[in-house]
Amino acid sequence: MDIVKQDYVSVAAVVVANSEQLARSNTRIKRAALARIALGYKELSLAVAETRERLTLLDVEEGLRQADVQVFDNKDVGRYKAYIREKSWNNGGWATDPISEYGQPVPEFAIDTALRIKQAIPEAEFSIEHFVHWRTNDPFLSFKVPGVQRRFVVEVWDEPDFTAERKEEVAT
């Protein structure tokens, strides 16, 4: 089982910029993820995957703290999605695309957030949730972790009516 699901280009700057964070976190897991991402070396990731148990919600919370990322409450996001759907007279709907297949630009601040999370939680699988309508896109950056039964929304852009604040703790 390959622990890192997505590859990123030009990760060297992230490695250097977050070397302090790397030292604070589980060094072997981070080293495996960085070796896979930056060097294309998979063997350490495979070895770590064999010894690492399935992640829990507490593991994800700890990873988010290590990455210094706060999430949006899923209830706030759900209310906003319903509002946008009603506002568009139910002409359109929400889609979730893997970040690698999303055909629109993703801002660099969202990419930075995803890279910090990926470094702390190598199992994270990123998606863009967006409203499919002829006039608007309304994107959110979210991720899931296999074995954890929820999606975590961590960034938003081009959503002028979304005013929810980030939460320190992950609400279930």
N, C-alpha and C. Protein backbone atom coordinates (compact mmCIF):
# COMPACT_ATOMS: atom_id res chain seq x y z
N MET A 1 0.85 -1.19 0.00
CA MET A 1 0.00 0.00 0.00
C MET A 1 0.88 1.23 0.00
N ASP A 2 0.70 2.12 -0.95
CA ASP A 2 1.49 3.32 -1.06
C ASP A 2 0.88 4.40 -0.18
N ILE A 3 1.62 4.89 0.79
CA ILE A 3 1.08 5.82 1.78
C ILE A 3 0.80 7.20 1.20
N VAL A 4 1.56 7.62 0.19
CA VAL A 4 1.37 8.93 -0.42
C VAL A 4 0.58 8.75 -1.70
N LYS A 5 -0.59 9.36 -1.77
CA LYS A 5 -1.49 9.16 -2.90
C LYS A 5 -1.24 10.15 -4.04
N GLN A 6 -0.67 11.34 -3.74
CA GLN A 6 -0.52 12.35 -4.76
C GLN A 6 0.92 12.85 -4.78
N ASP A 7 1.41 13.18 -5.94
CA ASP A 7 2.74 13.74 -6.08
C ASP A 7 2.64 15.24 -6.32
N TYR A 8 3.63 15.96 -5.84
CA TYR A 8 3.70 17.40 -6.06
C TYR A 8 5.06 17.73 -6.64
N VAL A 9 5.09 18.75 -7.45
CA VAL A 9 6.31 19.19 -8.09
C VAL A 9 6.91 20.32 -7.25
N SER A 10 8.21 20.45 -7.25
CA SER A 10 8.91 21.53 -6.57
C SER A 10 8.60 21.58 -5.08
N VAL A 11 8.85 20.49 -4.41
CA VAL A 11 8.56 20.41 -2.98
C VAL A 11 9.75 20.84 -2.14
N ALA A 12 10.91 21.03 -2.75
CA ALA A 12 12.11 21.34 -1.98
C ALA A 12 11.91 22.56 -1.08
N ALA A 13 11.23 23.59 -1.57
CA ALA A 13 10.99 24.79 -0.76
C ALA A 13 10.14 24.47 0.45
N VAL A 14 9.17 23.59 0.30
CA VAL A 14 8.32 23.20 1.43
C VAL A 14 9.14 22.44 2.45
N VAL A 15 10.03 21.59 1.98
CA VAL A 15 10.88 20.81 2.88
C VAL A 15 11.74 21.75 3.72
N VAL A 16 12.37 22.72 3.09
CA VAL A 16 13.22 23.65 3.81
C VAL A 16 12.40 24.55 4.72
N ALA A 17 11.30 25.10 4.22
CA ALA A 17 10.48 26.03 4.99
C ALA A 17 9.86 25.37 6.20
N ASN A 18 9.56 24.11 6.13
CA ASN A 18 8.89 23.44 7.24
C ASN A 18 9.79 22.47 7.99
N SER A 19 11.12 22.65 7.94
CA SER A 19 12.01 21.72 8.61
C SER A 19 11.82 21.74 10.12
N GLU A 20 11.48 22.90 10.69
CA GLU A 20 11.18 22.97 12.12
C GLU A 20 9.95 22.15 12.46
N GLN A 21 8.91 22.29 11.67
CA GLN A 21 7.68 21.53 11.87
C GLN A 21 7.96 20.03 11.71
N LEU A 22 8.81 19.69 10.76
CA LEU A 22 9.15 18.30 10.53
C LEU A 22 9.80 17.69 11.78
N ALA A 23 10.66 18.45 12.43
CA ALA A 23 11.34 17.95 13.62
C ALA A 23 10.35 17.70 14.76
N ARG A 24 9.28 18.52 14.85
CA ARG A 24 8.30 18.36 15.92
C ARG A 24 7.38 17.17 15.68
N SER A 25 7.21 16.77 14.47
CA SER A 25 6.22 15.73 14.15
C SER A 25 6.87 14.36 14.13
N ASN A 26 6.10 13.38 13.81
CA ASN A 26 6.59 12.01 13.73
C ASN A 26 7.58 11.92 12.58
N THR A 27 8.85 11.94 12.90
CA THR A 27 9.92 12.10 11.92
C THR A 27 9.93 11.02 10.85
N ARG A 28 9.73 9.78 11.22
CA ARG A 28 9.82 8.71 10.23
C ARG A 28 8.70 8.80 9.20
N ILE A 29 7.49 9.11 9.65
CA ILE A 29 6.36 9.23 8.72
C ILE A 29 6.59 10.40 7.78
N LYS A 30 7.03 11.51 8.33
CA LYS A 30 7.27 12.69 7.50
C LYS A 30 8.41 12.45 6.51
N ARG A 31 9.46 11.80 6.99
CA ARG A 31 10.59 11.50 6.11
C ARG A 31 10.12 10.61 4.95
N ALA A 32 9.28 9.63 5.27
CA ALA A 32 8.77 8.74 4.22
C ALA A 32 7.95 9.52 3.20
N ALA A 33 7.07 10.40 3.69
CA ALA A 33 6.25 11.19 2.77
C ALA A 33 7.10 12.12 1.92
N LEU A 34 8.07 12.78 2.54
CA LEU A 34 8.92 13.71 1.79
C LEU A 34 9.82 12.96 0.80
N ALA A 35 10.30 11.79 1.19
CA ALA A 35 11.12 11.00 0.26
C ALA A 35 10.29 10.59 -0.96
N ARG A 36 9.04 10.24 -0.73
CA ARG A 36 8.15 9.85 -1.83
C ARG A 36 7.84 11.04 -2.72
N ILE A 37 7.52 12.17 -2.10
CA ILE A 37 7.12 13.36 -2.86
C ILE A 37 8.32 14.01 -3.55
N ALA A 38 9.37 14.29 -2.80
CA ALA A 38 10.49 15.06 -3.35
C ALA A 38 11.47 14.21 -4.17
N LEU A 39 11.63 12.93 -3.77
CA LEU A 39 12.64 12.11 -4.42
C LEU A 39 12.07 10.98 -5.27
N GLY A 40 10.79 10.70 -5.10
CA GLY A 40 10.19 9.58 -5.81
C GLY A 40 10.56 8.23 -5.21
N TYR A 41 11.12 8.23 -4.00
CA TYR A 41 11.54 6.99 -3.32
C TYR A 41 10.36 6.44 -2.53
N LYS A 42 9.86 5.25 -2.92
CA LYS A 42 8.64 4.68 -2.35
C LYS A 42 8.87 3.67 -1.23
N GLU A 43 10.05 3.07 -1.15
CA GLU A 43 10.26 1.96 -0.23
C GLU A 43 10.03 2.33 1.23
N LEU A 44 10.48 3.50 1.65
CA LEU A 44 10.27 3.91 3.04
C LEU A 44 8.79 4.12 3.32
N SER A 45 8.06 4.69 2.37
CA SER A 45 6.61 4.85 2.53
C SER A 45 5.93 3.50 2.70
N LEU A 46 6.35 2.52 1.93
CA LEU A 46 5.76 1.19 2.05
C LEU A 46 6.07 0.58 3.41
N ALA A 47 7.29 0.76 3.90
CA ALA A 47 7.66 0.21 5.21
C ALA A 47 6.88 0.89 6.32
N VAL A 48 6.72 2.19 6.25
CA VAL A 48 5.97 2.93 7.26
C VAL A 48 4.50 2.52 7.21
N ALA A 49 3.96 2.33 6.03
CA ALA A 49 2.55 1.95 5.89
C ALA A 49 2.28 0.61 6.58
N GLU A 50 3.24 -0.29 6.54
CA GLU A 50 3.07 -1.60 7.17
C GLU A 50 3.00 -1.49 8.69
N THR A 51 3.70 -0.51 9.27
CA THR A 51 3.73 -0.39 10.72
C THR A 51 2.71 0.62 11.25
N ARG A 52 2.17 1.45 10.41
CA ARG A 52 1.24 2.48 10.85
C ARG A 52 -0.19 1.94 10.81
N GLU A 53 -0.89 2.09 11.90
CA GLU A 53 -2.28 1.65 11.95
C GLU A 53 -3.17 2.67 11.26
N ARG A 54 -4.40 2.29 11.03
CA ARG A 54 -5.39 3.17 10.43
C ARG A 54 -5.56 4.42 11.31
N LEU A 55 -5.65 5.58 10.70
CA LEU A 55 -5.77 6.83 11.44
C LEU A 55 -7.16 6.99 12.05
N THR A 56 -7.21 7.69 13.16
CA THR A 56 -8.47 8.04 13.81
C THR A 56 -8.68 9.53 13.71
N LEU A 57 -9.84 9.98 14.13
CA LEU A 57 -10.13 11.42 14.14
C LEU A 57 -9.12 12.16 15.02
N LEU A 58 -8.71 11.57 16.12
CA LEU A 58 -7.70 12.21 16.99
C LEU A 58 -6.37 12.37 16.27
N ASP A 59 -5.99 11.38 15.45
CA ASP A 59 -4.76 11.48 14.67
C ASP A 59 -4.84 12.65 13.68
N VAL A 60 -6.01 12.79 13.05
CA VAL A 60 -6.19 13.88 12.09
C VAL A 60 -6.13 15.22 12.82
N GLU A 61 -6.79 15.32 13.98
CA GLU A 61 -6.73 16.56 14.76
C GLU A 61 -5.29 16.91 15.11
N GLU A 62 -4.51 15.93 15.52
CA GLU A 62 -3.10 16.17 15.86
C GLU A 62 -2.33 16.62 14.62
N GLY A 63 -2.57 15.99 13.49
CA GLY A 63 -1.91 16.39 12.25
C GLY A 63 -2.26 17.81 11.85
N LEU A 64 -3.52 18.19 12.02
CA LEU A 64 -3.93 19.56 11.70
C LEU A 64 -3.24 20.56 12.63
N ARG A 65 -3.09 20.20 13.90
CA ARG A 65 -2.36 21.07 14.84
C ARG A 65 -0.90 21.21 14.39
N GLN A 66 -0.29 20.10 14.01
CA GLN A 66 1.10 20.13 13.55
C GLN A 66 1.24 21.00 12.29
N ALA A 67 0.26 20.94 11.43
CA ALA A 67 0.29 21.72 10.19
C ALA A 67 -0.16 23.16 10.42
N ASP A 68 -0.63 23.46 11.63
CA ASP A 68 -1.15 24.78 11.99
C ASP A 68 -2.29 25.19 11.05
N VAL A 69 -3.26 24.27 10.90
CA VAL A 69 -4.41 24.50 10.03
C VAL A 69 -5.68 24.30 10.85
N GLN A 70 -6.60 25.23 10.71
CA GLN A 70 -7.92 25.11 11.33
C GLN A 70 -8.93 24.83 10.23
N VAL A 71 -9.98 24.10 10.58
CA VAL A 71 -10.98 23.70 9.59
C VAL A 71 -12.25 24.51 9.77
N PHE A 72 -13.09 24.49 8.74
CA PHE A 72 -14.42 25.07 8.83
C PHE A 72 -15.36 23.99 9.36
N ASP A 73 -16.34 24.41 10.14
CA ASP A 73 -17.34 23.48 10.66
C ASP A 73 -18.18 22.98 9.48
N ASN A 74 -18.34 21.66 9.39
CA ASN A 74 -19.10 21.09 8.27
C ASN A 74 -20.55 21.56 8.26
N LYS A 75 -21.11 21.89 9.42
CA LYS A 75 -22.49 22.40 9.46
C LYS A 75 -22.57 23.77 8.79
N ASP A 76 -21.58 24.64 9.05
CA ASP A 76 -21.54 25.95 8.39
C ASP A 76 -21.39 25.79 6.89
N VAL A 77 -20.53 24.89 6.48
CA VAL A 77 -20.32 24.65 5.04
C VAL A 77 -21.61 24.12 4.42
N GLY A 78 -22.27 23.19 5.09
CA GLY A 78 -23.52 22.62 4.58
C GLY A 78 -24.61 23.67 4.42
N ARG A 79 -24.74 24.55 5.43
CA ARG A 79 -25.74 25.63 5.34
C ARG A 79 -25.43 26.55 4.15
N TYR A 80 -24.16 26.87 3.96
CA TYR A 80 -23.76 27.73 2.84
C TYR A 80 -24.06 27.06 1.50
N LYS A 81 -23.77 25.77 1.40
CA LYS A 81 -24.04 25.05 0.15
C LYS A 81 -25.54 25.05 -0.17
N ALA A 82 -26.37 24.86 0.85
CA ALA A 82 -27.83 24.90 0.64
C ALA A 82 -28.26 26.29 0.20
N TYR A 83 -27.67 27.33 0.81
CA TYR A 83 -27.99 28.71 0.46
C TYR A 83 -27.65 28.99 -1.01
N ILE A 84 -26.47 28.57 -1.45
CA ILE A 84 -26.06 28.81 -2.84
C ILE A 84 -26.98 28.06 -3.80
N ARG A 85 -27.34 26.85 -3.45
CA ARG A 85 -28.24 26.07 -4.32
C ARG A 85 -29.60 26.76 -4.45
N GLU A 86 -30.15 27.23 -3.32
CA GLU A 86 -31.44 27.96 -3.35
C GLU A 86 -31.31 29.25 -4.14
N LYS A 87 -30.21 29.97 -3.92
CA LYS A 87 -29.97 31.24 -4.59
C LYS A 87 -29.92 31.07 -6.12
N SER A 88 -29.51 29.89 -6.57
CA SER A 88 -29.41 29.63 -8.00
C SER A 88 -30.68 28.97 -8.54
N TRP A 89 -31.75 29.00 -7.76
CA TRP A 89 -33.05 28.42 -8.15
C TRP A 89 -32.91 26.93 -8.44
N ASN A 90 -32.03 26.26 -7.70
CA ASN A 90 -31.77 24.83 -7.86
C ASN A 90 -31.29 24.46 -9.26
N ASN A 91 -30.73 25.43 -9.96
CA ASN A 91 -30.11 25.18 -11.27
C ASN A 91 -28.62 24.98 -11.06
N GLY A 92 -28.23 23.79 -10.80
CA GLY A 92 -26.83 23.49 -10.54
C GLY A 92 -26.73 22.57 -9.34
N GLY A 93 -25.53 22.15 -9.05
CA GLY A 93 -25.31 21.27 -7.91
C GLY A 93 -23.85 21.24 -7.53
N TRP A 94 -23.59 20.69 -6.36
CA TRP A 94 -22.23 20.61 -5.84
C TRP A 94 -21.53 19.36 -6.36
N ALA A 95 -20.29 19.52 -6.78
CA ALA A 95 -19.46 18.41 -7.26
C ALA A 95 -18.18 18.37 -6.43
N THR A 96 -17.61 17.20 -6.30
CA THR A 96 -16.33 17.02 -5.61
C THR A 96 -15.38 16.33 -6.57
N ASP A 97 -14.30 17.03 -6.91
CA ASP A 97 -13.30 16.50 -7.83
C ASP A 97 -11.95 16.36 -7.12
N PRO A 98 -11.23 15.26 -7.37
CA PRO A 98 -9.87 15.18 -6.84
C PRO A 98 -9.09 16.42 -7.31
N ILE A 99 -8.23 16.95 -6.47
CA ILE A 99 -7.51 18.17 -6.82
C ILE A 99 -6.73 17.98 -8.12
N SER A 100 -6.26 16.77 -8.38
CA SER A 100 -5.48 16.51 -9.60
C SER A 100 -6.33 16.59 -10.86
N GLU A 101 -7.66 16.51 -10.72
CA GLU A 101 -8.56 16.54 -11.88
C GLU A 101 -9.35 17.85 -11.97
N TYR A 102 -9.15 18.76 -11.03
CA TYR A 102 -9.88 20.02 -11.02
C TYR A 102 -9.34 20.92 -12.12
N GLY A 103 -10.19 21.38 -13.01
CA GLY A 103 -9.76 22.10 -14.20
C GLY A 103 -9.63 23.61 -14.07
N GLN A 104 -9.79 24.15 -12.86
CA GLN A 104 -9.70 25.60 -12.66
C GLN A 104 -8.46 25.92 -11.81
N PRO A 105 -8.00 27.16 -11.83
CA PRO A 105 -6.85 27.53 -10.98
C PRO A 105 -7.19 27.38 -9.49
N VAL A 106 -6.22 26.89 -8.73
CA VAL A 106 -6.32 26.82 -7.27
C VAL A 106 -5.32 27.83 -6.73
N PRO A 107 -5.76 28.75 -5.86
CA PRO A 107 -4.83 29.78 -5.37
C PRO A 107 -3.67 29.18 -4.58
N GLU A 108 -2.54 29.89 -4.60
CA GLU A 108 -1.34 29.38 -3.94
C GLU A 108 -1.54 29.20 -2.44
N PHE A 109 -2.34 30.05 -1.77
CA PHE A 109 -2.53 29.87 -0.34
C PHE A 109 -3.22 28.53 -0.06
N ALA A 110 -4.11 28.08 -0.95
CA ALA A 110 -4.77 26.80 -0.77
C ALA A 110 -3.79 25.65 -1.04
N ILE A 111 -2.93 25.81 -2.03
CA ILE A 111 -1.89 24.82 -2.31
C ILE A 111 -0.95 24.71 -1.11
N ASP A 112 -0.55 25.85 -0.53
CA ASP A 112 0.32 25.83 0.65
C ASP A 112 -0.34 25.08 1.80
N THR A 113 -1.63 25.32 2.02
CA THR A 113 -2.35 24.62 3.08
C THR A 113 -2.35 23.12 2.81
N ALA A 114 -2.64 22.73 1.58
CA ALA A 114 -2.66 21.30 1.24
C ALA A 114 -1.29 20.67 1.45
N LEU A 115 -0.23 21.34 1.08
CA LEU A 115 1.11 20.79 1.26
C LEU A 115 1.46 20.64 2.74
N ARG A 116 1.08 21.61 3.56
CA ARG A 116 1.34 21.50 5.01
C ARG A 116 0.57 20.32 5.60
N ILE A 117 -0.67 20.15 5.18
CA ILE A 117 -1.47 19.02 5.68
C ILE A 117 -0.87 17.70 5.19
N LYS A 118 -0.50 17.64 3.93
CA LYS A 118 0.06 16.41 3.36
C LYS A 118 1.34 16.01 4.08
N GLN A 119 2.12 17.01 4.49
CA GLN A 119 3.35 16.72 5.21
C GLN A 119 3.04 16.14 6.59
N ALA A 120 1.99 16.64 7.24
CA ALA A 120 1.63 16.17 8.59
C ALA A 120 0.76 14.91 8.53
N ILE A 121 -0.05 14.77 7.48
CA ILE A 121 -0.97 13.63 7.33
C ILE A 121 -0.79 13.07 5.92
N PRO A 122 0.22 12.24 5.70
CA PRO A 122 0.49 11.74 4.35
C PRO A 122 -0.70 11.02 3.71
N GLU A 123 -1.61 10.48 4.51
CA GLU A 123 -2.75 9.76 3.96
C GLU A 123 -3.85 10.68 3.42
N ALA A 124 -3.76 11.97 3.67
CA ALA A 124 -4.80 12.92 3.24
C ALA A 124 -4.98 12.88 1.72
N GLU A 125 -6.23 12.82 1.28
CA GLU A 125 -6.58 12.81 -0.14
C GLU A 125 -7.40 14.06 -0.42
N PHE A 126 -6.88 14.98 -1.22
CA PHE A 126 -7.47 16.30 -1.41
C PHE A 126 -8.45 16.36 -2.57
N SER A 127 -9.48 17.17 -2.37
CA SER A 127 -10.51 17.39 -3.39
C SER A 127 -10.88 18.87 -3.40
N ILE A 128 -11.49 19.26 -4.49
CA ILE A 128 -12.11 20.58 -4.58
C ILE A 128 -13.62 20.35 -4.68
N GLU A 129 -14.35 20.94 -3.75
CA GLU A 129 -15.81 20.90 -3.78
C GLU A 129 -16.25 22.22 -4.42
N HIS A 130 -17.05 22.13 -5.47
CA HIS A 130 -17.42 23.35 -6.18
C HIS A 130 -18.85 23.23 -6.71
N PHE A 131 -19.47 24.39 -6.86
CA PHE A 131 -20.83 24.44 -7.36
C PHE A 131 -20.79 24.51 -8.88
N VAL A 132 -21.47 23.60 -9.53
CA VAL A 132 -21.49 23.54 -10.98
C VAL A 132 -22.72 24.30 -11.47
N HIS A 133 -22.45 25.45 -12.05
CA HIS A 133 -23.51 26.34 -12.54
C HIS A 133 -22.88 27.23 -13.61
N TRP A 134 -23.66 27.71 -14.51
CA TRP A 134 -23.10 28.49 -15.61
C TRP A 134 -22.50 29.81 -15.15
N ARG A 135 -22.90 30.35 -13.98
CA ARG A 135 -22.41 31.66 -13.54
C ARG A 135 -21.34 31.60 -12.46
N THR A 136 -21.22 30.52 -11.74
CA THR A 136 -20.35 30.52 -10.57
C THR A 136 -19.67 29.18 -10.38
N ASN A 137 -18.61 29.18 -9.59
CA ASN A 137 -17.86 27.96 -9.29
C ASN A 137 -17.84 27.68 -7.79
N ASP A 138 -17.66 28.71 -6.94
CA ASP A 138 -17.72 28.59 -5.48
C ASP A 138 -16.90 27.44 -4.91
N PRO A 139 -15.56 27.46 -5.02
CA PRO A 139 -14.76 26.31 -4.59
C PRO A 139 -14.35 26.30 -3.11
N PHE A 140 -14.24 25.09 -2.57
CA PHE A 140 -13.68 24.80 -1.25
C PHE A 140 -12.58 23.75 -1.44
N LEU A 141 -11.50 23.84 -0.66
CA LEU A 141 -10.49 22.78 -0.61
C LEU A 141 -10.82 21.90 0.59
N SER A 142 -10.93 20.60 0.36
CA SER A 142 -11.23 19.67 1.44
C SER A 142 -10.35 18.44 1.31
N PHE A 143 -10.34 17.64 2.39
CA PHE A 143 -9.62 16.38 2.31
C PHE A 143 -10.31 15.32 3.15
N LYS A 144 -10.02 14.07 2.82
CA LYS A 144 -10.48 12.90 3.57
C LYS A 144 -9.27 12.06 3.90
N VAL A 145 -9.44 11.24 4.94
CA VAL A 145 -8.40 10.29 5.32
C VAL A 145 -9.07 8.92 5.37
N PRO A 146 -8.53 7.94 4.68
CA PRO A 146 -9.13 6.60 4.73
C PRO A 146 -9.31 6.14 6.18
N GLY A 147 -10.48 5.63 6.48
CA GLY A 147 -10.78 5.15 7.82
C GLY A 147 -11.43 6.17 8.73
N VAL A 148 -11.39 7.44 8.35
CA VAL A 148 -12.03 8.50 9.14
C VAL A 148 -13.27 8.94 8.37
N GLN A 149 -14.42 8.83 9.00
CA GLN A 149 -15.70 9.01 8.31
C GLN A 149 -16.16 10.45 8.25
N ARG A 150 -15.33 11.33 7.71
CA ARG A 150 -15.77 12.70 7.47
C ARG A 150 -14.80 13.39 6.53
N ARG A 151 -15.26 14.49 6.00
CA ARG A 151 -14.46 15.32 5.11
C ARG A 151 -14.09 16.59 5.88
N PHE A 152 -12.88 17.10 5.69
CA PHE A 152 -12.40 18.29 6.38
C PHE A 152 -12.24 19.42 5.37
N VAL A 153 -12.96 20.52 5.56
CA VAL A 153 -12.87 21.68 4.67
C VAL A 153 -11.87 22.65 5.28
N VAL A 154 -10.81 22.97 4.51
CA VAL A 154 -9.71 23.76 5.07
C VAL A 154 -9.47 25.09 4.38
N GLU A 155 -9.95 25.28 3.16
CA GLU A 155 -9.78 26.57 2.47
C GLU A 155 -11.00 26.86 1.62
N VAL A 156 -11.16 28.15 1.31
CA VAL A 156 -12.27 28.61 0.50
C VAL A 156 -11.79 29.84 -0.30
N TRP A 157 -12.28 29.99 -1.53
CA TRP A 157 -11.97 31.19 -2.32
C TRP A 157 -13.12 31.42 -3.28
N ASP A 158 -13.21 32.63 -3.76
CA ASP A 158 -14.30 33.03 -4.67
C ASP A 158 -15.67 32.73 -4.08
N GLU A 159 -15.81 32.88 -2.76
CA GLU A 159 -17.07 32.62 -2.05
C GLU A 159 -17.39 33.87 -1.22
N PRO A 160 -17.82 34.96 -1.83
CA PRO A 160 -18.00 36.21 -1.08
C PRO A 160 -19.06 36.14 0.01
N ASP A 161 -20.04 35.25 -0.12
CA ASP A 161 -21.10 35.16 0.90
C ASP A 161 -20.78 34.18 2.02
N PHE A 162 -19.68 33.44 1.91
CA PHE A 162 -19.32 32.48 2.96
C PHE A 162 -18.56 33.22 4.05
N THR A 163 -19.16 33.33 5.22
CA THR A 163 -18.57 34.13 6.30
C THR A 163 -18.23 33.32 7.54
N ALA A 164 -18.34 32.01 7.49
CA ALA A 164 -18.04 31.19 8.66
C ALA A 164 -16.58 31.33 9.05
N GLU A 165 -16.33 31.19 10.35
CA GLU A 165 -14.96 31.28 10.85
C GLU A 165 -14.40 29.87 11.04
N ARG A 166 -13.10 29.80 11.02
CA ARG A 166 -12.41 28.54 11.25
C ARG A 166 -12.55 28.13 12.71
N LYS A 167 -12.45 26.84 12.96
CA LYS A 167 -12.61 26.30 14.31
C LYS A 167 -11.27 25.73 14.79
N GLU A 168 -10.96 25.94 16.08
CA GLU A 168 -9.77 25.36 16.68
C GLU A 168 -9.86 23.84 16.69
N GLU A 169 -11.03 23.32 17.09
CA GLU A 169 -11.21 21.89 17.22
C GLU A 169 -12.08 21.37 16.10
N VAL A 170 -11.86 20.14 15.75
CA VAL A 170 -12.64 19.50 14.69
C VAL A 170 -13.96 19.06 15.29
N ALA A 171 -15.06 19.58 14.78
CA ALA A 171 -16.40 19.17 15.23
C ALA A 171 -16.78 17.90 14.48
N THR A 172 -17.46 17.00 15.16
CA THR A 172 -17.86 15.75 14.49
C THR A 172 -19.15 15.88 13.78
